[in-house]
Amino acid sequence: LYRDILRSLRQVPDPEHKKYLVDWARHEFKQNKGETDEEVIRMML
């Protein structure tokens, strides 16, 4: 999912918006990296 999102963000024409969205995606995934509860992970996915 992370790879798919980053690939899609390549299509964003404005470099500033692209950087903001890539940073947002990275932050969201890093923030939840340590989650171990399977149900919570499924919900986030």
ModelCIF file with pLDDT and N, C-alpha, C, O atoms, coordinates in Angstrom:
data_MODEL
#
_entry.id   MODEL 
#
_entity.id                         1 
_entity.type                       polymer 
_entity.pdbx_number_of_molecules   1 
#
_entity_poly.entity_id                      1 
_entity_poly.type                           'polypeptide(L)' 
_entity_poly.nstd_linkage                   no 
_entity_poly.nstd_monomer                   no 
_entity_poly.pdbx_seq_one_letter_code       LYRDILRSLRQVPDPEHKKYLVDWARHEFKQNKGETDEEVIRMML 
_entity_poly.pdbx_seq_one_letter_code_can   LYRDILRSLRQVPDPEHKKYLVDWARHEFKQNKGETDEEVIRMML 
_entity_poly.pdbx_strand_id                 A 
#
loop_
_entity_poly_seq.entity_id 
_entity_poly_seq.num 
_entity_poly_seq.mon_id 
_entity_poly_seq.hetero 
1 1  LEU n 
1 2  TYR n 
1 3  ARG n 
1 4  ASP n 
1 5  ILE n 
1 6  LEU n 
1 7  ARG n 
1 8  SER n 
1 9  LEU n 
1 10 ARG n 
1 11 GLN n 
1 12 VAL n 
1 13 PRO n 
1 14 ASP n 
1 15 PRO n 
1 16 GLU n 
1 17 HIS n 
1 18 LYS n 
1 19 LYS n 
1 20 TYR n 
1 21 LEU n 
1 22 VAL n 
1 23 ASP n 
1 24 TRP n 
1 25 ALA n 
1 26 ARG n 
1 27 HIS n 
1 28 GLU n 
1 29 PHE n 
1 30 LYS n 
1 31 GLN n 
1 32 ASN n 
1 33 LYS n 
1 34 GLY n 
1 35 GLU n 
1 36 THR n 
1 37 ASP n 
1 38 GLU n 
1 39 GLU n 
1 40 VAL n 
1 41 ILE n 
1 42 ARG n 
1 43 MET n 
1 44 MET n 
1 45 LEU n 
#
_struct_asym.id          A 
_struct_asym.entity_id   1 
#
loop_
_ma_qa_metric.id 
_ma_qa_metric.mode 
_ma_qa_metric.name 
_ma_qa_metric.software_group_id 
_ma_qa_metric.type 
1 global pLDDT . pLDDT 
2 local  pLDDT . pLDDT 
#
_ma_qa_metric_global.metric_id      1 
_ma_qa_metric_global.metric_value   95.49 
_ma_qa_metric_global.model_id       1 
_ma_qa_metric_global.ordinal_id     1 
#
loop_
_ma_qa_metric_local.label_asym_id 
_ma_qa_metric_local.label_comp_id 
_ma_qa_metric_local.label_seq_id 
_ma_qa_metric_local.metric_id 
_ma_qa_metric_local.metric_value 
_ma_qa_metric_local.model_id 
_ma_qa_metric_local.ordinal_id 
A LEU 1  2 98.00 1 1  
A TYR 2  2 98.00 1 2  
A ARG 3  2 98.00 1 3  
A ASP 4  2 98.00 1 4  
A ILE 5  2 97.00 1 5  
A LEU 6  2 97.00 1 6  
A ARG 7  2 97.00 1 7  
A SER 8  2 96.00 1 8  
A LEU 9  2 96.00 1 9  
A ARG 10 2 95.00 1 10 
A GLN 11 2 94.00 1 11 
A VAL 12 2 93.00 1 12 
A PRO 13 2 91.00 1 13 
A ASP 14 2 93.00 1 14 
A PRO 15 2 95.00 1 15 
A GLU 16 2 97.00 1 16 
A HIS 17 2 94.00 1 17 
A LYS 18 2 96.00 1 18 
A LYS 19 2 97.00 1 19 
A TYR 20 2 97.00 1 20 
A LEU 21 2 95.00 1 21 
A VAL 22 2 97.00 1 22 
A ASP 23 2 98.00 1 23 
A TRP 24 2 95.00 1 24 
A ALA 25 2 96.00 1 25 
A ARG 26 2 97.00 1 26 
A HIS 27 2 97.00 1 27 
A GLU 28 2 94.00 1 28 
A PHE 29 2 96.00 1 29 
A LYS 30 2 96.00 1 30 
A GLN 31 2 96.00 1 31 
A ASN 32 2 94.00 1 32 
A LYS 33 2 92.00 1 33 
A GLY 34 2 90.00 1 34 
A GLU 35 2 92.00 1 35 
A THR 36 2 90.00 1 36 
A ASP 37 2 93.00 1 37 
A GLU 38 2 95.00 1 38 
A GLU 39 2 96.00 1 39 
A VAL 40 2 96.00 1 40 
A ILE 41 2 96.00 1 41 
A ARG 42 2 97.00 1 42 
A MET 43 2 98.00 1 43 
A MET 44 2 97.00 1 44 
A LEU 45 2 97.00 1 45 
#
loop_
_atom_site.group_PDB 
_atom_site.id 
_atom_site.type_symbol 
_atom_site.label_atom_id 
_atom_site.label_alt_id 
_atom_site.label_comp_id 
_atom_site.label_asym_id 
_atom_site.label_entity_id 
_atom_site.label_seq_id 
_atom_site.pdbx_PDB_ins_code 
_atom_site.Cartn_x 
_atom_site.Cartn_y 
_atom_site.Cartn_z 
_atom_site.occupancy 
_atom_site.B_iso_or_equiv 
_atom_site.pdbx_formal_charge 
_atom_site.auth_seq_id 
_atom_site.auth_comp_id 
_atom_site.auth_asym_id 
_atom_site.auth_atom_id 
_atom_site.pdbx_PDB_model_num 
ATOM 1   N N  . LEU A 1 1  ? 0.837  -1.199 0.000   1.00 98.00 ? 1  LEU A N  1 
ATOM 2   C CA . LEU A 1 1  ? 0.000  0.000  0.000   1.00 98.00 ? 1  LEU A CA 1 
ATOM 3   C C  . LEU A 1 1  ? 0.876  1.255  0.000   1.00 98.00 ? 1  LEU A C  1 
ATOM 4   O O  . LEU A 1 1  ? 0.600  2.204  -0.734  1.00 98.00 ? 1  LEU A O  1 
ATOM 5   N N  . TYR A 1 2  ? 1.919  1.262  0.812   1.00 98.00 ? 2  TYR A N  1 
ATOM 6   C CA . TYR A 1 2  ? 2.843  2.395  0.882   1.00 98.00 ? 2  TYR A CA 1 
ATOM 7   C C  . TYR A 1 2  ? 3.487  2.641  -0.490  1.00 98.00 ? 2  TYR A C  1 
ATOM 8   O O  . TYR A 1 2  ? 3.543  3.778  -0.958  1.00 98.00 ? 2  TYR A O  1 
ATOM 9   N N  . ARG A 1 3  ? 3.968  1.578  -1.123  1.00 98.00 ? 3  ARG A N  1 
ATOM 10  C CA . ARG A 1 3  ? 4.575  1.720  -2.454  1.00 98.00 ? 3  ARG A CA 1 
ATOM 11  C C  . ARG A 1 3  ? 3.564  2.241  -3.470  1.00 98.00 ? 3  ARG A C  1 
ATOM 12  O O  . ARG A 1 3  ? 3.886  3.114  -4.276  1.00 98.00 ? 3  ARG A O  1 
ATOM 13  N N  . ASP A 1 4  ? 2.345  1.710  -3.434  1.00 98.00 ? 4  ASP A N  1 
ATOM 14  C CA . ASP A 1 4  ? 1.307  2.155  -4.369  1.00 98.00 ? 4  ASP A CA 1 
ATOM 15  C C  . ASP A 1 4  ? 1.000  3.641  -4.184  1.00 98.00 ? 4  ASP A C  1 
ATOM 16  O O  . ASP A 1 4  ? 0.841  4.376  -5.158  1.00 98.00 ? 4  ASP A O  1 
ATOM 17  N N  . ILE A 1 5  ? 0.919  4.068  -2.939  1.00 97.00 ? 5  ILE A N  1 
ATOM 18  C CA . ILE A 1 5  ? 0.638  5.480  -2.664  1.00 97.00 ? 5  ILE A CA 1 
ATOM 19  C C  . ILE A 1 5  ? 1.765  6.353  -3.197  1.00 97.00 ? 5  ILE A C  1 
ATOM 20  O O  . ILE A 1 5  ? 1.510  7.365  -3.851  1.00 97.00 ? 5  ILE A O  1 
ATOM 21  N N  . LEU A 1 6  ? 3.008  5.970  -2.924  1.00 97.00 ? 6  LEU A N  1 
ATOM 22  C CA . LEU A 1 6  ? 4.134  6.775  -3.402  1.00 97.00 ? 6  LEU A CA 1 
ATOM 23  C C  . LEU A 1 6  ? 4.197  6.803  -4.924  1.00 97.00 ? 6  LEU A C  1 
ATOM 24  O O  . LEU A 1 6  ? 4.526  7.833  -5.511  1.00 97.00 ? 6  LEU A O  1 
ATOM 25  N N  . ARG A 1 7  ? 3.887  5.688  -5.563  1.00 97.00 ? 7  ARG A N  1 
ATOM 26  C CA . ARG A 1 7  ? 3.863  5.674  -7.041  1.00 97.00 ? 7  ARG A CA 1 
ATOM 27  C C  . ARG A 1 7  ? 2.783  6.619  -7.568  1.00 97.00 ? 7  ARG A C  1 
ATOM 28  O O  . ARG A 1 7  ? 3.010  7.340  -8.541  1.00 97.00 ? 7  ARG A O  1 
ATOM 29  N N  . SER A 1 8  ? 1.636  6.618  -6.943  1.00 96.00 ? 8  SER A N  1 
ATOM 30  C CA . SER A 1 8  ? 0.545  7.491  -7.380  1.00 96.00 ? 8  SER A CA 1 
ATOM 31  C C  . SER A 1 8  ? 0.909  8.956  -7.197  1.00 96.00 ? 8  SER A C  1 
ATOM 32  O O  . SER A 1 8  ? 0.536  9.804  -8.008  1.00 96.00 ? 8  SER A O  1 
ATOM 33  N N  . LEU A 1 9  ? 1.633  9.247  -6.134  1.00 96.00 ? 9  LEU A N  1 
ATOM 34  C CA . LEU A 1 9  ? 1.988  10.645 -5.856  1.00 96.00 ? 9  LEU A CA 1 
ATOM 35  C C  . LEU A 1 9  ? 2.961  11.214 -6.887  1.00 96.00 ? 9  LEU A C  1 
ATOM 36  O O  . LEU A 1 9  ? 3.130  12.431 -6.969  1.00 96.00 ? 9  LEU A O  1 
ATOM 37  N N  . ARG A 1 10 ? 3.593  10.360 -7.664  1.00 95.00 ? 10 ARG A N  1 
ATOM 38  C CA . ARG A 1 10 ? 4.459  10.849 -8.749  1.00 95.00 ? 10 ARG A CA 1 
ATOM 39  C C  . ARG A 1 10 ? 3.664  11.670 -9.765  1.00 95.00 ? 10 ARG A C  1 
ATOM 40  O O  . ARG A 1 10 ? 4.227  12.505 -10.473 1.00 95.00 ? 10 ARG A O  1 
ATOM 41  N N  . GLN A 1 11 ? 2.359  11.430 -9.833  1.00 94.00 ? 11 GLN A N  1 
ATOM 42  C CA . GLN A 1 11 ? 1.500  12.103 -10.802 1.00 94.00 ? 11 GLN A CA 1 
ATOM 43  C C  . GLN A 1 11 ? 1.086  13.502 -10.370 1.00 94.00 ? 11 GLN A C  1 
ATOM 44  O O  . GLN A 1 11 ? 0.517  14.249 -11.165 1.00 94.00 ? 11 GLN A O  1 
ATOM 45  N N  . VAL A 1 12 ? 1.362  13.868 -9.120  1.00 93.00 ? 12 VAL A N  1 
ATOM 46  C CA . VAL A 1 12 ? 0.981  15.194 -8.629  1.00 93.00 ? 12 VAL A CA 1 
ATOM 47  C C  . VAL A 1 12 ? 1.841  16.220 -9.353  1.00 93.00 ? 12 VAL A C  1 
ATOM 48  O O  . VAL A 1 12 ? 3.067  16.163 -9.267  1.00 93.00 ? 12 VAL A O  1 
ATOM 49  N N  . PRO A 1 13 ? 1.215  17.166 -10.073 1.00 91.00 ? 13 PRO A N  1 
ATOM 50  C CA . PRO A 1 13 ? 1.991  18.101 -10.895 1.00 91.00 ? 13 PRO A CA 1 
ATOM 51  C C  . PRO A 1 13 ? 2.772  19.151 -10.097 1.00 91.00 ? 13 PRO A C  1 
ATOM 52  O O  . PRO A 1 13 ? 3.882  19.513 -10.485 1.00 91.00 ? 13 PRO A O  1 
ATOM 53  N N  . ASP A 1 14 ? 2.221  19.632 -9.016  1.00 93.00 ? 14 ASP A N  1 
ATOM 54  C CA . ASP A 1 14 ? 2.864  20.689 -8.242  1.00 93.00 ? 14 ASP A CA 1 
ATOM 55  C C  . ASP A 1 14 ? 3.893  20.092 -7.284  1.00 93.00 ? 14 ASP A C  1 
ATOM 56  O O  . ASP A 1 14 ? 3.537  19.282 -6.429  1.00 93.00 ? 14 ASP A O  1 
ATOM 57  N N  . PRO A 1 15 ? 5.171  20.482 -7.415  1.00 95.00 ? 15 PRO A N  1 
ATOM 58  C CA . PRO A 1 15 ? 6.214  19.912 -6.548  1.00 95.00 ? 15 PRO A CA 1 
ATOM 59  C C  . PRO A 1 15 ? 5.971  20.150 -5.052  1.00 95.00 ? 15 PRO A C  1 
ATOM 60  O O  . PRO A 1 15 ? 6.284  19.287 -4.232  1.00 95.00 ? 15 PRO A O  1 
ATOM 61  N N  . GLU A 1 16 ? 5.425  21.295 -4.699  1.00 97.00 ? 16 GLU A N  1 
ATOM 62  C CA . GLU A 1 16 ? 5.171  21.576 -3.282  1.00 97.00 ? 16 GLU A CA 1 
ATOM 63  C C  . GLU A 1 16 ? 4.096  20.644 -2.719  1.00 97.00 ? 16 GLU A C  1 
ATOM 64  O O  . GLU A 1 16 ? 4.244  20.099 -1.625  1.00 97.00 ? 16 GLU A O  1 
ATOM 65  N N  . HIS A 1 17 ? 3.018  20.470 -3.479  1.00 94.00 ? 17 HIS A N  1 
ATOM 66  C CA . HIS A 1 17 ? 1.958  19.556 -3.045  1.00 94.00 ? 17 HIS A CA 1 
ATOM 67  C C  . HIS A 1 17 ? 2.472  18.116 -2.990  1.00 94.00 ? 17 HIS A C  1 
ATOM 68  O O  . HIS A 1 17 ? 2.150  17.363 -2.071  1.00 94.00 ? 17 HIS A O  1 
ATOM 69  N N  . LYS A 1 18 ? 3.272  17.751 -3.984  1.00 96.00 ? 18 LYS A N  1 
ATOM 70  C CA . LYS A 1 18 ? 3.831  16.399 -4.018  1.00 96.00 ? 18 LYS A CA 1 
ATOM 71  C C  . LYS A 1 18 ? 4.676  16.144 -2.770  1.00 96.00 ? 18 LYS A C  1 
ATOM 72  O O  . LYS A 1 18 ? 4.533  15.106 -2.125  1.00 96.00 ? 18 LYS A O  1 
ATOM 73  N N  . LYS A 1 19 ? 5.550  17.084 -2.430  1.00 97.00 ? 19 LYS A N  1 
ATOM 74  C CA . LYS A 1 19 ? 6.403  16.922 -1.245  1.00 97.00 ? 19 LYS A CA 1 
ATOM 75  C C  . LYS A 1 19 ? 5.554  16.829 0.019   1.00 97.00 ? 19 LYS A C  1 
ATOM 76  O O  . LYS A 1 19 ? 5.822  16.000 0.889   1.00 97.00 ? 19 LYS A O  1 
ATOM 77  N N  . TYR A 1 20 ? 4.532  17.675 0.122   1.00 97.00 ? 20 TYR A N  1 
ATOM 78  C CA . TYR A 1 20 ? 3.662  17.646 1.293   1.00 97.00 ? 20 TYR A CA 1 
ATOM 79  C C  . TYR A 1 20 ? 2.980  16.285 1.422   1.00 97.00 ? 20 TYR A C  1 
ATOM 80  O O  . TYR A 1 20 ? 2.921  15.721 2.514   1.00 97.00 ? 20 TYR A O  1 
ATOM 81  N N  . LEU A 1 21 ? 2.467  15.759 0.314   1.00 95.00 ? 21 LEU A N  1 
ATOM 82  C CA . LEU A 1 21 ? 1.749  14.483 0.349   1.00 95.00 ? 21 LEU A CA 1 
ATOM 83  C C  . LEU A 1 21 ? 2.680  13.308 0.637   1.00 95.00 ? 21 LEU A C  1 
ATOM 84  O O  . LEU A 1 21 ? 2.308  12.387 1.365   1.00 95.00 ? 21 LEU A O  1 
ATOM 85  N N  . VAL A 1 22 ? 3.879  13.333 0.076   1.00 97.00 ? 22 VAL A N  1 
ATOM 86  C CA . VAL A 1 22 ? 4.850  12.270 0.354   1.00 97.00 ? 22 VAL A CA 1 
ATOM 87  C C  . VAL A 1 22 ? 5.245  12.296 1.829   1.00 97.00 ? 22 VAL A C  1 
ATOM 88  O O  . VAL A 1 22 ? 5.320  11.253 2.478   1.00 97.00 ? 22 VAL A O  1 
ATOM 89  N N  . ASP A 1 23 ? 5.499  13.503 2.355   1.00 98.00 ? 23 ASP A N  1 
ATOM 90  C CA . ASP A 1 23 ? 5.837  13.624 3.778   1.00 98.00 ? 23 ASP A CA 1 
ATOM 91  C C  . ASP A 1 23 ? 4.691  13.142 4.663   1.00 98.00 ? 23 ASP A C  1 
ATOM 92  O O  . ASP A 1 23 ? 4.918  12.488 5.681   1.00 98.00 ? 23 ASP A O  1 
ATOM 93  N N  . TRP A 1 24 ? 3.461  13.469 4.271   1.00 95.00 ? 24 TRP A N  1 
ATOM 94  C CA . TRP A 1 24 ? 2.294  13.024 5.027   1.00 95.00 ? 24 TRP A CA 1 
ATOM 95  C C  . TRP A 1 24 ? 2.208  11.490 5.040   1.00 95.00 ? 24 TRP A C  1 
ATOM 96  O O  . TRP A 1 24 ? 1.991  10.883 6.089   1.00 95.00 ? 24 TRP A O  1 
ATOM 97  N N  . ALA A 1 25 ? 2.380  10.875 3.865   1.00 96.00 ? 25 ALA A N  1 
ATOM 98  C CA . ALA A 1 25 ? 2.300  9.409  3.778   1.00 96.00 ? 25 ALA A CA 1 
ATOM 99  C C  . ALA A 1 25 ? 3.395  8.768  4.631   1.00 96.00 ? 25 ALA A C  1 
ATOM 100 O O  . ALA A 1 25 ? 3.132  7.826  5.379   1.00 96.00 ? 25 ALA A O  1 
ATOM 101 N N  . ARG A 1 26 ? 4.609  9.276  4.519   1.00 97.00 ? 26 ARG A N  1 
ATOM 102 C CA . ARG A 1 26 ? 5.715  8.729  5.324   1.00 97.00 ? 26 ARG A CA 1 
ATOM 103 C C  . ARG A 1 26 ? 5.415  8.843  6.815   1.00 97.00 ? 26 ARG A C  1 
ATOM 104 O O  . ARG A 1 26 ? 5.620  7.898  7.577   1.00 97.00 ? 26 ARG A O  1 
ATOM 105 N N  . HIS A 1 27 ? 4.930  10.007 7.212   1.00 97.00 ? 27 HIS A N  1 
ATOM 106 C CA . HIS A 1 27 ? 4.634  10.230 8.628   1.00 97.00 ? 27 HIS A CA 1 
ATOM 107 C C  . HIS A 1 27 ? 3.569  9.247  9.122   1.00 97.00 ? 27 HIS A C  1 
ATOM 108 O O  . HIS A 1 27 ? 3.713  8.662  10.195  1.00 97.00 ? 27 HIS A O  1 
ATOM 109 N N  . GLU A 1 28 ? 2.508  9.067  8.343   1.00 94.00 ? 28 GLU A N  1 
ATOM 110 C CA . GLU A 1 28 ? 1.418  8.163  8.748   1.00 94.00 ? 28 GLU A CA 1 
ATOM 111 C C  . GLU A 1 28 ? 1.921  6.731  8.908   1.00 94.00 ? 28 GLU A C  1 
ATOM 112 O O  . GLU A 1 28 ? 1.581  6.054  9.878   1.00 94.00 ? 28 GLU A O  1 
ATOM 113 N N  . PHE A 1 29 ? 2.729  6.273  7.956   1.00 96.00 ? 29 PHE A N  1 
ATOM 114 C CA . PHE A 1 29 ? 3.214  4.901  8.036   1.00 96.00 ? 29 PHE A CA 1 
ATOM 115 C C  . PHE A 1 29 ? 4.232  4.735  9.166   1.00 96.00 ? 29 PHE A C  1 
ATOM 116 O O  . PHE A 1 29 ? 4.206  3.733  9.880   1.00 96.00 ? 29 PHE A O  1 
ATOM 117 N N  . LYS A 1 30 ? 5.121  5.705  9.328   1.00 96.00 ? 30 LYS A N  1 
ATOM 118 C CA . LYS A 1 30 ? 6.104  5.613  10.415  1.00 96.00 ? 30 LYS A CA 1 
ATOM 119 C C  . LYS A 1 30 ? 5.435  5.681  11.781  1.00 96.00 ? 30 LYS A C  1 
ATOM 120 O O  . LYS A 1 30 ? 5.842  4.990  12.715  1.00 96.00 ? 30 LYS A O  1 
ATOM 121 N N  . GLN A 1 31 ? 4.422  6.507  11.891  1.00 96.00 ? 31 GLN A N  1 
ATOM 122 C CA . GLN A 1 31 ? 3.709  6.673  13.159  1.00 96.00 ? 31 GLN A CA 1 
ATOM 123 C C  . GLN A 1 31 ? 3.081  5.361  13.615  1.00 96.00 ? 31 GLN A C  1 
ATOM 124 O O  . GLN A 1 31 ? 3.000  5.092  14.813  1.00 96.00 ? 31 GLN A O  1 
ATOM 125 N N  . ASN A 1 32 ? 2.642  4.555  12.672  1.00 94.00 ? 32 ASN A N  1 
ATOM 126 C CA . ASN A 1 32 ? 1.946  3.316  13.006  1.00 94.00 ? 32 ASN A CA 1 
ATOM 127 C C  . ASN A 1 32 ? 2.797  2.071  12.813  1.00 94.00 ? 32 ASN A C  1 
ATOM 128 O O  . ASN A 1 32 ? 2.282  0.954  12.864  1.00 94.00 ? 32 ASN A O  1 
ATOM 129 N N  . LYS A 1 33 ? 4.085  2.249  12.593  1.00 92.00 ? 33 LYS A N  1 
ATOM 130 C CA . LYS A 1 33 ? 4.989  1.134  12.317  1.00 92.00 ? 33 LYS A CA 1 
ATOM 131 C C  . LYS A 1 33 ? 5.024  0.105  13.444  1.00 92.00 ? 33 LYS A C  1 
ATOM 132 O O  . LYS A 1 33 ? 5.140  -1.091 13.180  1.00 92.00 ? 33 LYS A O  1 
ATOM 133 N N  . GLY A 1 34 ? 4.928  0.541  14.664  1.00 90.00 ? 34 GLY A N  1 
ATOM 134 C CA . GLY A 1 34 ? 5.055  -0.363 15.795  1.00 90.00 ? 34 GLY A CA 1 
ATOM 135 C C  . GLY A 1 34 ? 3.779  -1.056 16.228  1.00 90.00 ? 34 GLY A C  1 
ATOM 136 O O  . GLY A 1 34 ? 3.788  -1.796 17.212  1.00 90.00 ? 34 GLY A O  1 
ATOM 137 N N  . GLU A 1 35 ? 2.694  -0.839 15.527  1.00 92.00 ? 35 GLU A N  1 
ATOM 138 C CA . GLU A 1 35 ? 1.415  -1.455 15.914  1.00 92.00 ? 35 GLU A CA 1 
ATOM 139 C C  . GLU A 1 35 ? 1.509  -2.980 15.782  1.00 92.00 ? 35 GLU A C  1 
ATOM 140 O O  . GLU A 1 35 ? 2.014  -3.490 14.782  1.00 92.00 ? 35 GLU A O  1 
ATOM 141 N N  . THR A 1 36 ? 1.023  -3.697 16.790  1.00 90.00 ? 36 THR A N  1 
ATOM 142 C CA . THR A 1 36 ? 1.095  -5.160 16.768  1.00 90.00 ? 36 THR A CA 1 
ATOM 143 C C  . THR A 1 36 ? -0.275 -5.834 16.795  1.00 90.00 ? 36 THR A C  1 
ATOM 144 O O  . THR A 1 36 ? -0.374 -7.026 16.503  1.00 90.00 ? 36 THR A O  1 
ATOM 145 N N  . ASP A 1 37 ? -1.318 -5.110 17.132  1.00 93.00 ? 37 ASP A N  1 
ATOM 146 C CA . ASP A 1 37 ? -2.664 -5.681 17.200  1.00 93.00 ? 37 ASP A CA 1 
ATOM 147 C C  . ASP A 1 37 ? -3.181 -5.909 15.775  1.00 93.00 ? 37 ASP A C  1 
ATOM 148 O O  . ASP A 1 37 ? -3.322 -4.967 14.995  1.00 93.00 ? 37 ASP A O  1 
ATOM 149 N N  . GLU A 1 38 ? -3.457 -7.166 15.455  1.00 95.00 ? 38 GLU A N  1 
ATOM 150 C CA . GLU A 1 38 ? -3.861 -7.515 14.085  1.00 95.00 ? 38 GLU A CA 1 
ATOM 151 C C  . GLU A 1 38 ? -5.131 -6.798 13.650  1.00 95.00 ? 38 GLU A C  1 
ATOM 152 O O  . GLU A 1 38 ? -5.225 -6.342 12.510  1.00 95.00 ? 38 GLU A O  1 
ATOM 153 N N  . GLU A 1 39 ? -6.094 -6.695 14.533  1.00 96.00 ? 39 GLU A N  1 
ATOM 154 C CA . GLU A 1 39 ? -7.351 -6.027 14.180  1.00 96.00 ? 39 GLU A CA 1 
ATOM 155 C C  . GLU A 1 39 ? -7.110 -4.549 13.870  1.00 96.00 ? 39 GLU A C  1 
ATOM 156 O O  . GLU A 1 39 ? -7.677 -4.013 12.919  1.00 96.00 ? 39 GLU A O  1 
ATOM 157 N N  . VAL A 1 40 ? -6.290 -3.907 14.652  1.00 96.00 ? 40 VAL A N  1 
ATOM 158 C CA . VAL A 1 40 ? -5.988 -2.495 14.424  1.00 96.00 ? 40 VAL A CA 1 
ATOM 159 C C  . VAL A 1 40 ? -5.245 -2.333 13.097  1.00 96.00 ? 40 VAL A C  1 
ATOM 160 O O  . VAL A 1 40 ? -5.514 -1.399 12.342  1.00 96.00 ? 40 VAL A O  1 
ATOM 161 N N  . ILE A 1 41 ? -4.320 -3.235 12.817  1.00 96.00 ? 41 ILE A N  1 
ATOM 162 C CA . ILE A 1 41 ? -3.575 -3.176 11.558  1.00 96.00 ? 41 ILE A CA 1 
ATOM 163 C C  . ILE A 1 41 ? -4.525 -3.352 10.382  1.00 96.00 ? 41 ILE A C  1 
ATOM 164 O O  . ILE A 1 41 ? -4.431 -2.623 9.394   1.00 96.00 ? 41 ILE A O  1 
ATOM 165 N N  . ARG A 1 42 ? -5.436 -4.309 10.480  1.00 97.00 ? 42 ARG A N  1 
ATOM 166 C CA . ARG A 1 42 ? -6.413 -4.524 9.395   1.00 97.00 ? 42 ARG A CA 1 
ATOM 167 C C  . ARG A 1 42 ? -7.282 -3.278 9.185   1.00 97.00 ? 42 ARG A C  1 
ATOM 168 O O  . ARG A 1 42 ? -7.570 -2.892 8.052   1.00 97.00 ? 42 ARG A O  1 
ATOM 169 N N  . MET A 1 43 ? -7.690 -2.663 10.287  1.00 98.00 ? 43 MET A N  1 
ATOM 170 C CA . MET A 1 43 ? -8.508 -1.456 10.185  1.00 98.00 ? 43 MET A CA 1 
ATOM 171 C C  . MET A 1 43 ? -7.714 -0.335 9.504   1.00 98.00 ? 43 MET A C  1 
ATOM 172 O O  . MET A 1 43 ? -8.242 0.364  8.639   1.00 98.00 ? 43 MET A O  1 
ATOM 173 N N  . MET A 1 44 ? -6.455 -0.166 9.893   1.00 97.00 ? 44 MET A N  1 
ATOM 174 C CA . MET A 1 44 ? -5.638 0.881  9.281   1.00 97.00 ? 44 MET A CA 1 
ATOM 175 C C  . MET A 1 44 ? -5.396 0.597  7.802   1.00 97.00 ? 44 MET A C  1 
ATOM 176 O O  . MET A 1 44 ? -5.394 1.521  6.987   1.00 97.00 ? 44 MET A O  1 
ATOM 177 N N  . LEU A 1 45 ? -5.193 -0.673 7.447   1.00 97.00 ? 45 LEU A N  1 
ATOM 178 C CA . LEU A 1 45 ? -5.025 -1.021 6.031   1.00 97.00 ? 45 LEU A CA 1 
ATOM 179 C C  . LEU A 1 45 ? -6.291 -0.715 5.244   1.00 97.00 ? 45 LEU A C  1 
ATOM 180 O O  . LEU A 1 45 ? -6.336 -0.943 4.035   1.00 97.00 ? 45 LEU A O  1 
#
